[in-house]
Amino acid sequence: IQKEVAQFFNINQSDILGKKRSKNIVVPRQIAMFL
């Protein structure tokens, strides 16, 4: 799920696992948790 969400939003999976708080990272991270 993390890999699919990262690819969908054109970011790295490591961004989803990290602590960055920018909106383009936070929203995909929340979506990945939701899914």
PDB file of all heavy atoms in Angstrom:
ATOM      1  N   ILE A   1       0.839  -1.200   0.000  1.00  0.00           N
ATOM      2  CA  ILE A   1       0.000   0.000   0.000  1.00  0.00           C
ATOM      3  C   ILE A   1       0.875   1.251   0.000  1.00  0.00           C
ATOM      4  O   ILE A   1       0.628   2.210  -0.742  1.00  0.00           O
ATOM      5  CB  ILE A   1      -0.945  -0.004   1.221  1.00  0.00           C
ATOM      6  CG1 ILE A   1      -2.013  -1.098   1.052  1.00  0.00           C
ATOM      7  CG2 ILE A   1      -1.614   1.366   1.396  1.00  0.00           C
ATOM      8  CD1 ILE A   1      -2.868  -1.311   2.280  1.00  0.00           C
ATOM      9  N   GLN A   2       1.913   1.255   0.818  1.00  0.00           N
ATOM     10  CA  GLN A   2       2.830   2.404   0.857  1.00  0.00           C
ATOM     11  C   GLN A   2       3.470   2.656  -0.508  1.00  0.00           C
ATOM     12  O   GLN A   2       3.558   3.809  -0.962  1.00  0.00           O
ATOM     13  CB  GLN A   2       3.913   2.161   1.907  1.00  0.00           C
ATOM     14  CG  GLN A   2       3.406   2.155   3.337  1.00  0.00           C
ATOM     15  CD  GLN A   2       4.455   1.663   4.309  1.00  0.00           C
ATOM     16  OE1 GLN A   2       5.486   1.124   3.915  1.00  0.00           O
ATOM     17  NE2 GLN A   2       4.193   1.848   5.601  1.00  0.00           N
ATOM     18  N   LYS A   3       3.898   1.592  -1.167  1.00  0.00           N
ATOM     19  CA  LYS A   3       4.543   1.732  -2.475  1.00  0.00           C
ATOM     20  C   LYS A   3       3.563   2.262  -3.516  1.00  0.00           C
ATOM     21  O   LYS A   3       3.914   3.138  -4.328  1.00  0.00           O
ATOM     22  CB  LYS A   3       5.102   0.382  -2.917  1.00  0.00           C
ATOM     23  CG  LYS A   3       6.328  -0.055  -2.123  1.00  0.00           C
ATOM     24  CD  LYS A   3       6.787  -1.453  -2.514  1.00  0.00           C
ATOM     25  CE  LYS A   3       8.023  -1.861  -1.713  1.00  0.00           C
ATOM     26  NZ  LYS A   3       8.430  -3.266  -1.976  1.00  0.00           N
ATOM     27  N   GLU A   4       2.330   1.751  -3.501  1.00  0.00           N
ATOM     28  CA  GLU A   4       1.323   2.200  -4.466  1.00  0.00           C
ATOM     29  C   GLU A   4       0.963   3.661  -4.247  1.00  0.00           C
ATOM     30  O   GLU A   4       0.838   4.437  -5.209  1.00  0.00           O
ATOM     31  CB  GLU A   4       0.063   1.328  -4.355  1.00  0.00           C
ATOM     32  CG  GLU A   4       0.213  -0.084  -4.888  1.00  0.00           C
ATOM     33  CD  GLU A   4       0.254  -0.126  -6.415  1.00  0.00           C
ATOM     34  OE1 GLU A   4      -0.012   0.904  -7.056  1.00  0.00           O
ATOM     35  OE2 GLU A   4       0.577  -1.193  -6.960  1.00  0.00           O
ATOM     36  N   VAL A   5       0.803   4.051  -3.001  1.00  0.00           N
ATOM     37  CA  VAL A   5       0.461   5.451  -2.693  1.00  0.00           C
ATOM     38  C   VAL A   5       1.617   6.364  -3.081  1.00  0.00           C
ATOM     39  O   VAL A   5       1.398   7.438  -3.671  1.00  0.00           O
ATOM     40  CB  VAL A   5       0.109   5.603  -1.200  1.00  0.00           C
ATOM     41  CG1 VAL A   5      -0.059   7.082  -0.841  1.00  0.00           C
ATOM     42  CG2 VAL A   5      -1.172   4.838  -0.867  1.00  0.00           C
ATOM     43  N   ALA A   6       2.834   5.952  -2.766  1.00  0.00           N
ATOM     44  CA  ALA A   6       4.008   6.772  -3.114  1.00  0.00           C
ATOM     45  C   ALA A   6       4.104   6.964  -4.622  1.00  0.00           C
ATOM     46  O   ALA A   6       4.334   8.087  -5.113  1.00  0.00           O
ATOM     47  CB  ALA A   6       5.279   6.111  -2.579  1.00  0.00           C
ATOM     48  N   GLN A   7       3.908   5.897  -5.378  1.00  0.00           N
ATOM     49  CA  GLN A   7       3.970   5.985  -6.835  1.00  0.00           C
ATOM     50  C   GLN A   7       2.850   6.870  -7.370  1.00  0.00           C
ATOM     51  O   GLN A   7       3.065   7.680  -8.283  1.00  0.00           O
ATOM     52  CB  GLN A   7       3.874   4.581  -7.439  1.00  0.00           C
ATOM     53  CG  GLN A   7       4.021   4.558  -8.958  1.00  0.00           C
ATOM     54  CD  GLN A   7       3.936   3.150  -9.514  1.00  0.00           C
ATOM     55  OE1 GLN A   7       3.416   2.250  -8.877  1.00  0.00           O
ATOM     56  NE2 GLN A   7       4.440   2.961 -10.718  1.00  0.00           N
ATOM     57  N   PHE A   8       1.660   6.724  -6.797  1.00  0.00           N
ATOM     58  CA  PHE A   8       0.498   7.494  -7.248  1.00  0.00           C
ATOM     59  C   PHE A   8       0.742   8.996  -7.084  1.00  0.00           C
ATOM     60  O   PHE A   8       0.363   9.803  -7.938  1.00  0.00           O
ATOM     61  CB  PHE A   8      -0.731   7.062  -6.457  1.00  0.00           C
ATOM     62  CG  PHE A   8      -2.014   7.707  -6.892  1.00  0.00           C
ATOM     63  CD1 PHE A   8      -2.750   7.189  -7.947  1.00  0.00           C
ATOM     64  CD2 PHE A   8      -2.500   8.835  -6.247  1.00  0.00           C
ATOM     65  CE1 PHE A   8      -3.946   7.789  -8.356  1.00  0.00           C
ATOM     66  CE2 PHE A   8      -3.688   9.430  -6.637  1.00  0.00           C
ATOM     67  CZ  PHE A   8      -4.416   8.907  -7.700  1.00  0.00           C
ATOM     68  N   PHE A   9       1.379   9.394  -5.968  1.00  0.00           N
ATOM     69  CA  PHE A   9       1.597  10.813  -5.682  1.00  0.00           C
ATOM     70  C   PHE A   9       3.009  11.281  -6.078  1.00  0.00           C
ATOM     71  O   PHE A   9       3.407  12.396  -5.734  1.00  0.00           O
ATOM     72  CB  PHE A   9       1.354  11.091  -4.198  1.00  0.00           C
ATOM     73  CG  PHE A   9      -0.103  11.050  -3.815  1.00  0.00           C
ATOM     74  CD1 PHE A   9      -0.633   9.926  -3.201  1.00  0.00           C
ATOM     75  CD2 PHE A   9      -0.944  12.117  -4.096  1.00  0.00           C
ATOM     76  CE1 PHE A   9      -1.973   9.877  -2.854  1.00  0.00           C
ATOM     77  CE2 PHE A   9      -2.280  12.087  -3.744  1.00  0.00           C
ATOM     78  CZ  PHE A   9      -2.806  10.950  -3.131  1.00  0.00           C
ATOM     79  N   ASN A  10       3.731  10.388  -6.766  1.00  0.00           N
ATOM     80  CA  ASN A  10       5.056  10.739  -7.286  1.00  0.00           C
ATOM     81  C   ASN A  10       6.015  11.173  -6.175  1.00  0.00           C
ATOM     82  O   ASN A  10       6.710  12.192  -6.283  1.00  0.00           O
ATOM     83  CB  ASN A  10       4.935  11.848  -8.340  1.00  0.00           C
ATOM     84  CG  ASN A  10       6.183  11.953  -9.203  1.00  0.00           C
ATOM     85  OD1 ASN A  10       6.901  10.967  -9.392  1.00  0.00           O
ATOM     86  ND2 ASN A  10       6.462  13.151  -9.704  1.00  0.00           N
ATOM     87  N   ILE A  11       6.030  10.402  -5.104  1.00  0.00           N
ATOM     88  CA  ILE A  11       6.985  10.627  -4.022  1.00  0.00           C
ATOM     89  C   ILE A  11       7.657   9.283  -3.717  1.00  0.00           C
ATOM     90  O   ILE A  11       7.313   8.261  -4.305  1.00  0.00           O
ATOM     91  CB  ILE A  11       6.318  11.183  -2.744  1.00  0.00           C
ATOM     92  CG1 ILE A  11       5.241  10.198  -2.239  1.00  0.00           C
ATOM     93  CG2 ILE A  11       5.716  12.561  -2.992  1.00  0.00           C
ATOM     94  CD1 ILE A  11       4.605  10.621  -0.928  1.00  0.00           C
ATOM     95  N   ASN A  12       8.617   9.287  -2.799  1.00  0.00           N
ATOM     96  CA  ASN A  12       9.298   8.052  -2.426  1.00  0.00           C
ATOM     97  C   ASN A  12       8.617   7.392  -1.229  1.00  0.00           C
ATOM     98  O   ASN A  12       8.036   8.086  -0.380  1.00  0.00           O
ATOM     99  CB  ASN A  12      10.764   8.338  -2.063  1.00  0.00           C
ATOM    100  CG  ASN A  12      11.551   8.861  -3.249  1.00  0.00           C
ATOM    101  OD1 ASN A  12      11.386   8.380  -4.373  1.00  0.00           O
ATOM    102  ND2 ASN A  12      12.405   9.851  -3.008  1.00  0.00           N
ATOM    103  N   GLN A  13       8.711   6.069  -1.168  1.00  0.00           N
ATOM    104  CA  GLN A  13       8.159   5.367  -0.010  1.00  0.00           C
ATOM    105  C   GLN A  13       8.828   5.841   1.269  1.00  0.00           C
ATOM    106  O   GLN A  13       8.178   5.929   2.321  1.00  0.00           O
ATOM    107  CB  GLN A  13       8.331   3.848  -0.170  1.00  0.00           C
ATOM    108  CG  GLN A  13       7.680   3.048   0.954  1.00  0.00           C
ATOM    109  CD  GLN A  13       7.868   1.544   0.772  1.00  0.00           C
ATOM    110  OE1 GLN A  13       8.569   1.105  -0.133  1.00  0.00           O
ATOM    111  NE2 GLN A  13       7.247   0.759   1.629  1.00  0.00           N
ATOM    112  N   SER A  14      10.105   6.184   1.185  1.00  0.00           N
ATOM    113  CA  SER A  14      10.824   6.664   2.368  1.00  0.00           C
ATOM    114  C   SER A  14      10.226   7.960   2.896  1.00  0.00           C
ATOM    115  O   SER A  14      10.295   8.237   4.103  1.00  0.00           O
ATOM    116  CB  SER A  14      12.309   6.867   2.038  1.00  0.00           C
ATOM    117  OG  SER A  14      12.464   7.800   0.969  1.00  0.00           O
ATOM    118  N   ASP A  15       9.620   8.764   2.005  1.00  0.00           N
ATOM    119  CA  ASP A  15       8.955   9.988   2.452  1.00  0.00           C
ATOM    120  C   ASP A  15       7.752   9.648   3.328  1.00  0.00           C
ATOM    121  O   ASP A  15       7.488  10.309   4.346  1.00  0.00           O
ATOM    122  CB  ASP A  15       8.490  10.817   1.250  1.00  0.00           C
ATOM    123  CG  ASP A  15       9.652  11.371   0.445  1.00  0.00           C
ATOM    124  OD1 ASP A  15      10.686  11.691   1.063  1.00  0.00           O
ATOM    125  OD2 ASP A  15       9.528  11.476  -0.794  1.00  0.00           O
ATOM    126  N   ILE A  16       7.006   8.627   2.913  1.00  0.00           N
ATOM    127  CA  ILE A  16       5.826   8.209   3.679  1.00  0.00           C
ATOM    128  C   ILE A  16       6.240   7.693   5.054  1.00  0.00           C
ATOM    129  O   ILE A  16       5.545   7.909   6.047  1.00  0.00           O
ATOM    130  CB  ILE A  16       5.038   7.126   2.898  1.00  0.00           C
ATOM    131  CG1 ILE A  16       4.322   7.781   1.710  1.00  0.00           C
ATOM    132  CG2 ILE A  16       4.044   6.407   3.789  1.00  0.00           C
ATOM    133  CD1 ILE A  16       3.533   6.827   0.850  1.00  0.00           C
ATOM    134  N   LEU A  17       7.382   7.015   5.121  1.00  0.00           N
ATOM    135  CA  LEU A  17       7.851   6.464   6.385  1.00  0.00           C
ATOM    136  C   LEU A  17       8.556   7.493   7.258  1.00  0.00           C
ATOM    137  O   LEU A  17       8.730   7.275   8.454  1.00  0.00           O
ATOM    138  CB  LEU A  17       8.814   5.300   6.118  1.00  0.00           C
ATOM    139  CG  LEU A  17       8.245   4.108   5.339  1.00  0.00           C
ATOM    140  CD1 LEU A  17       9.323   3.063   5.098  1.00  0.00           C
ATOM    141  CD2 LEU A  17       7.070   3.493   6.077  1.00  0.00           C
ATOM    142  N   GLY A  18       8.946   8.608   6.657  1.00  0.00           N
ATOM    143  CA  GLY A  18       9.728   9.612   7.381  1.00  0.00           C
ATOM    144  C   GLY A  18       8.899  10.571   8.212  1.00  0.00           C
ATOM    145  O   GLY A  18       7.738  10.318   8.535  1.00  0.00           O
ATOM    146  N   LYS A  19       9.501  11.717   8.531  1.00  0.00           N
ATOM    147  CA  LYS A  19       8.869  12.684   9.431  1.00  0.00           C
ATOM    148  C   LYS A  19       8.597  14.026   8.774  1.00  0.00           C
ATOM    149  O   LYS A  19       8.225  14.987   9.444  1.00  0.00           O
ATOM    150  CB  LYS A  19       9.759  12.892  10.666  1.00  0.00           C
ATOM    151  CG  LYS A  19       9.953  11.626  11.490  1.00  0.00           C
ATOM    152  CD  LYS A  19      10.814  11.895  12.710  1.00  0.00           C
ATOM    153  CE  LYS A  19      10.989  10.638  13.551  1.00  0.00           C
ATOM    154  NZ  LYS A  19      11.834  10.870  14.746  1.00  0.00           N
ATOM    155  N   LYS A  20       8.803  14.118   7.462  1.00  0.00           N
ATOM    156  CA  LYS A  20       8.553  15.385   6.780  1.00  0.00           C
ATOM    157  C   LYS A  20       7.099  15.808   6.949  1.00  0.00           C
ATOM    158  O   LYS A  20       6.189  14.977   6.875  1.00  0.00           O
ATOM    159  CB  LYS A  20       8.885  15.258   5.291  1.00  0.00           C
ATOM    160  CG  LYS A  20      10.362  15.043   4.997  1.00  0.00           C
ATOM    161  CD  LYS A  20      10.603  14.932   3.497  1.00  0.00           C
ATOM    162  CE  LYS A  20      12.075  14.683   3.186  1.00  0.00           C
ATOM    163  NZ  LYS A  20      12.304  14.516   1.732  1.00  0.00           N
ATOM    164  N   ARG A  21       6.873  17.114   7.158  1.00  0.00           N
ATOM    165  CA  ARG A  21       5.530  17.614   7.452  1.00  0.00           C
ATOM    166  C   ARG A  21       4.951  18.448   6.317  1.00  0.00           C
ATOM    167  O   ARG A  21       3.901  19.062   6.475  1.00  0.00           O
ATOM    168  CB  ARG A  21       5.576  18.474   8.728  1.00  0.00           C
ATOM    169  CG  ARG A  21       6.059  17.750   9.961  1.00  0.00           C
ATOM    170  CD  ARG A  21       5.147  16.598  10.341  1.00  0.00           C
ATOM    171  NE  ARG A  21       3.786  17.078  10.571  1.00  0.00           N
ATOM    172  CZ  ARG A  21       2.717  16.292  10.654  1.00  0.00           C
ATOM    173  NH1 ARG A  21       2.847  14.986  10.470  1.00  0.00           N
ATOM    174  NH2 ARG A  21       1.529  16.802  10.902  1.00  0.00           N
ATOM    175  N   SER A  22       5.611  18.492   5.168  1.00  0.00           N
ATOM    176  CA  SER A  22       5.054  19.256   4.050  1.00  0.00           C
ATOM    177  C   SER A  22       3.773  18.585   3.564  1.00  0.00           C
ATOM    178  O   SER A  22       3.634  17.351   3.630  1.00  0.00           O
ATOM    179  CB  SER A  22       6.074  19.360   2.914  1.00  0.00           C
ATOM    180  OG  SER A  22       6.496  18.071   2.505  1.00  0.00           O
ATOM    181  N   LYS A  23       2.852  19.391   3.032  1.00  0.00           N
ATOM    182  CA  LYS A  23       1.534  18.880   2.678  1.00  0.00           C
ATOM    183  C   LYS A  23       1.603  17.775   1.626  1.00  0.00           C
ATOM    184  O   LYS A  23       0.836  16.813   1.673  1.00  0.00           O
ATOM    185  CB  LYS A  23       0.646  20.020   2.169  1.00  0.00           C
ATOM    186  CG  LYS A  23      -0.792  19.585   1.895  1.00  0.00           C
ATOM    187  CD  LYS A  23      -1.671  20.758   1.496  1.00  0.00           C
ATOM    188  CE  LYS A  23      -3.099  20.290   1.237  1.00  0.00           C
ATOM    189  NZ  LYS A  23      -3.989  21.410   0.834  1.00  0.00           N
ATOM    190  N   ASN A  24       2.529  17.913   0.662  1.00  0.00           N
ATOM    191  CA  ASN A  24       2.601  16.915  -0.403  1.00  0.00           C
ATOM    192  C   ASN A  24       3.104  15.562   0.113  1.00  0.00           C
ATOM    193  O   ASN A  24       3.028  14.555  -0.578  1.00  0.00           O
ATOM    194  CB  ASN A  24       3.516  17.403  -1.531  1.00  0.00           C
ATOM    195  CG  ASN A  24       4.972  17.446  -1.122  1.00  0.00           C
ATOM    196  OD1 ASN A  24       5.314  17.975  -0.067  1.00  0.00           O
ATOM    197  ND2 ASN A  24       5.851  16.899  -1.944  1.00  0.00           N
ATOM    198  N   ILE A  25       3.599  15.523   1.367  1.00  0.00           N
ATOM    199  CA  ILE A  25       4.021  14.273   2.002  1.00  0.00           C
ATOM    200  C   ILE A  25       2.990  13.817   3.032  1.00  0.00           C
ATOM    201  O   ILE A  25       2.637  12.634   3.101  1.00  0.00           O
ATOM    202  CB  ILE A  25       5.395  14.429   2.701  1.00  0.00           C
ATOM    203  CG1 ILE A  25       6.467  14.848   1.682  1.00  0.00           C
ATOM    204  CG2 ILE A  25       5.785  13.141   3.412  1.00  0.00           C
ATOM    205  CD1 ILE A  25       6.713  13.832   0.601  1.00  0.00           C
ATOM    206  N   VAL A  26       2.498  14.765   3.827  1.00  0.00           N
ATOM    207  CA  VAL A  26       1.584  14.422   4.929  1.00  0.00           C
ATOM    208  C   VAL A  26       0.300  13.782   4.416  1.00  0.00           C
ATOM    209  O   VAL A  26      -0.158  12.762   4.948  1.00  0.00           O
ATOM    210  CB  VAL A  26       1.257  15.674   5.768  1.00  0.00           C
ATOM    211  CG1 VAL A  26       0.115  15.375   6.751  1.00  0.00           C
ATOM    212  CG2 VAL A  26       2.481  16.131   6.539  1.00  0.00           C
ATOM    213  N   VAL A  27      -0.300  14.358   3.369  1.00  0.00           N
ATOM    214  CA  VAL A  27      -1.573  13.824   2.871  1.00  0.00           C
ATOM    215  C   VAL A  27      -1.417  12.400   2.336  1.00  0.00           C
ATOM    216  O   VAL A  27      -2.197  11.512   2.702  1.00  0.00           O
ATOM    217  CB  VAL A  27      -2.180  14.760   1.802  1.00  0.00           C
ATOM    218  CG1 VAL A  27      -3.410  14.119   1.175  1.00  0.00           C
ATOM    219  CG2 VAL A  27      -2.547  16.097   2.436  1.00  0.00           C
ATOM    220  N   PRO A  28      -0.419  12.121   1.470  1.00  0.00           N
ATOM    221  CA  PRO A  28      -0.225  10.732   1.043  1.00  0.00           C
ATOM    222  C   PRO A  28       0.036   9.778   2.208  1.00  0.00           C
ATOM    223  O   PRO A  28      -0.427   8.641   2.205  1.00  0.00           O
ATOM    224  CB  PRO A  28       0.996  10.817   0.120  1.00  0.00           C
ATOM    225  CG  PRO A  28       0.961  12.205  -0.413  1.00  0.00           C
ATOM    226  CD  PRO A  28       0.474  13.043   0.727  1.00  0.00           C
ATOM    227  N   ARG A  29       0.781  10.254   3.202  1.00  0.00           N
ATOM    228  CA  ARG A  29       1.048   9.420   4.379  1.00  0.00           C
ATOM    229  C   ARG A  29      -0.262   9.074   5.097  1.00  0.00           C
ATOM    230  O   ARG A  29      -0.500   7.926   5.474  1.00  0.00           O
ATOM    231  CB  ARG A  29       1.995  10.150   5.332  1.00  0.00           C
ATOM    232  CG  ARG A  29       2.379   9.327   6.570  1.00  0.00           C
ATOM    233  CD  ARG A  29       3.233  10.158   7.505  1.00  0.00           C
ATOM    234  NE  ARG A  29       4.489  10.528   6.874  1.00  0.00           N
ATOM    235  CZ  ARG A  29       5.075  11.722   7.012  1.00  0.00           C
ATOM    236  NH1 ARG A  29       4.475  12.673   7.711  1.00  0.00           N
ATOM    237  NH2 ARG A  29       6.224  11.970   6.419  1.00  0.00           N
ATOM    238  N   GLN A  30      -1.123  10.079   5.262  1.00  0.00           N
ATOM    239  CA  GLN A  30      -2.411   9.840   5.912  1.00  0.00           C
ATOM    240  C   GLN A  30      -3.289   8.915   5.081  1.00  0.00           C
ATOM    241  O   GLN A  30      -3.980   8.041   5.619  1.00  0.00           O
ATOM    242  CB  GLN A  30      -3.119  11.174   6.159  1.00  0.00           C
ATOM    243  CG  GLN A  30      -2.449  12.042   7.214  1.00  0.00           C
ATOM    244  CD  GLN A  30      -3.097  13.409   7.356  1.00  0.00           C
ATOM    245  OE1 GLN A  30      -3.766  13.900   6.429  1.00  0.00           O
ATOM    246  NE2 GLN A  30      -2.902  14.038   8.493  1.00  0.00           N
ATOM    247  N   ILE A  31      -3.249   9.085   3.766  1.00  0.00           N
ATOM    248  CA  ILE A  31      -4.023   8.213   2.874  1.00  0.00           C
ATOM    249  C   ILE A  31      -3.522   6.774   2.980  1.00  0.00           C
ATOM    250  O   ILE A  31      -4.314   5.829   3.038  1.00  0.00           O
ATOM    251  CB  ILE A  31      -3.931   8.720   1.423  1.00  0.00           C
ATOM    252  CG1 ILE A  31      -4.753  10.008   1.261  1.00  0.00           C
ATOM    253  CG2 ILE A  31      -4.415   7.651   0.441  1.00  0.00           C
ATOM    254  CD1 ILE A  31      -4.624  10.657  -0.100  1.00  0.00           C
ATOM    255  N   ALA A  32      -2.202   6.607   3.021  1.00  0.00           N
ATOM    256  CA  ALA A  32      -1.634   5.261   3.129  1.00  0.00           C
ATOM    257  C   ALA A  32      -2.042   4.602   4.449  1.00  0.00           C
ATOM    258  O   ALA A  32      -2.344   3.404   4.490  1.00  0.00           O
ATOM    259  CB  ALA A  32      -0.110   5.325   3.017  1.00  0.00           C
ATOM    260  N   MET A  33      -2.058   5.376   5.522  1.00  0.00           N
ATOM    261  CA  MET A  33      -2.508   4.844   6.812  1.00  0.00           C
ATOM    262  C   MET A  33      -3.986   4.479   6.747  1.00  0.00           C
ATOM    263  O   MET A  33      -4.404   3.415   7.243  1.00  0.00           O
ATOM    264  CB  MET A  33      -2.267   5.870   7.916  1.00  0.00           C
ATOM    265  CG  MET A  33      -0.815   6.088   8.278  1.00  0.00           C
ATOM    266  SD  MET A  33      -0.627   7.310   9.603  1.00  0.00           S
ATOM    267  CE  MET A  33       1.159   7.261   9.860  1.00  0.00           C
ATOM    268  N   PHE A  34      -4.778   5.338   6.146  1.00  0.00           N
ATOM    269  CA  PHE A  34      -6.222   5.101   6.008  1.00  0.00           C
ATOM    270  C   PHE A  34      -6.484   3.808   5.236  1.00  0.00           C
ATOM    271  O   PHE A  34      -7.288   2.965   5.649  1.00  0.00           O
ATOM    272  CB  PHE A  34      -6.866   6.296   5.299  1.00  0.00           C
ATOM    273  CG  PHE A  34      -8.334   6.137   5.023  1.00  0.00           C
ATOM    274  CD1 PHE A  34      -9.283   6.445   5.981  1.00  0.00           C
ATOM    275  CD2 PHE A  34      -8.769   5.663   3.784  1.00  0.00           C
ATOM    276  CE1 PHE A  34     -10.642   6.292   5.721  1.00  0.00           C
ATOM    277  CE2 PHE A  34     -10.115   5.507   3.513  1.00  0.00           C
ATOM    278  CZ  PHE A  34     -11.058   5.825   4.489  1.00  0.00           C
ATOM    279  N   LEU A  35      -5.796   3.638   4.108  1.00  0.00           N
ATOM    280  CA  LEU A  35      -5.992   2.445   3.280  1.00  0.00           C
ATOM    281  C   LEU A  35      -5.438   1.190   3.970  1.00  0.00           C
ATOM    282  O   LEU A  35      -5.994   0.100   3.798  1.00  0.00           O
ATOM    283  CB  LEU A  35      -5.329   2.635   1.917  1.00  0.00           C
ATOM    284  CG  LEU A  35      -6.015   3.650   0.998  1.00  0.00           C
ATOM    285  CD1 LEU A  35      -5.173   3.891  -0.257  1.00  0.00           C
ATOM    286  CD2 LEU A  35      -7.422   3.194   0.623  1.00  0.00           C
TER     287      LEU A  35
END
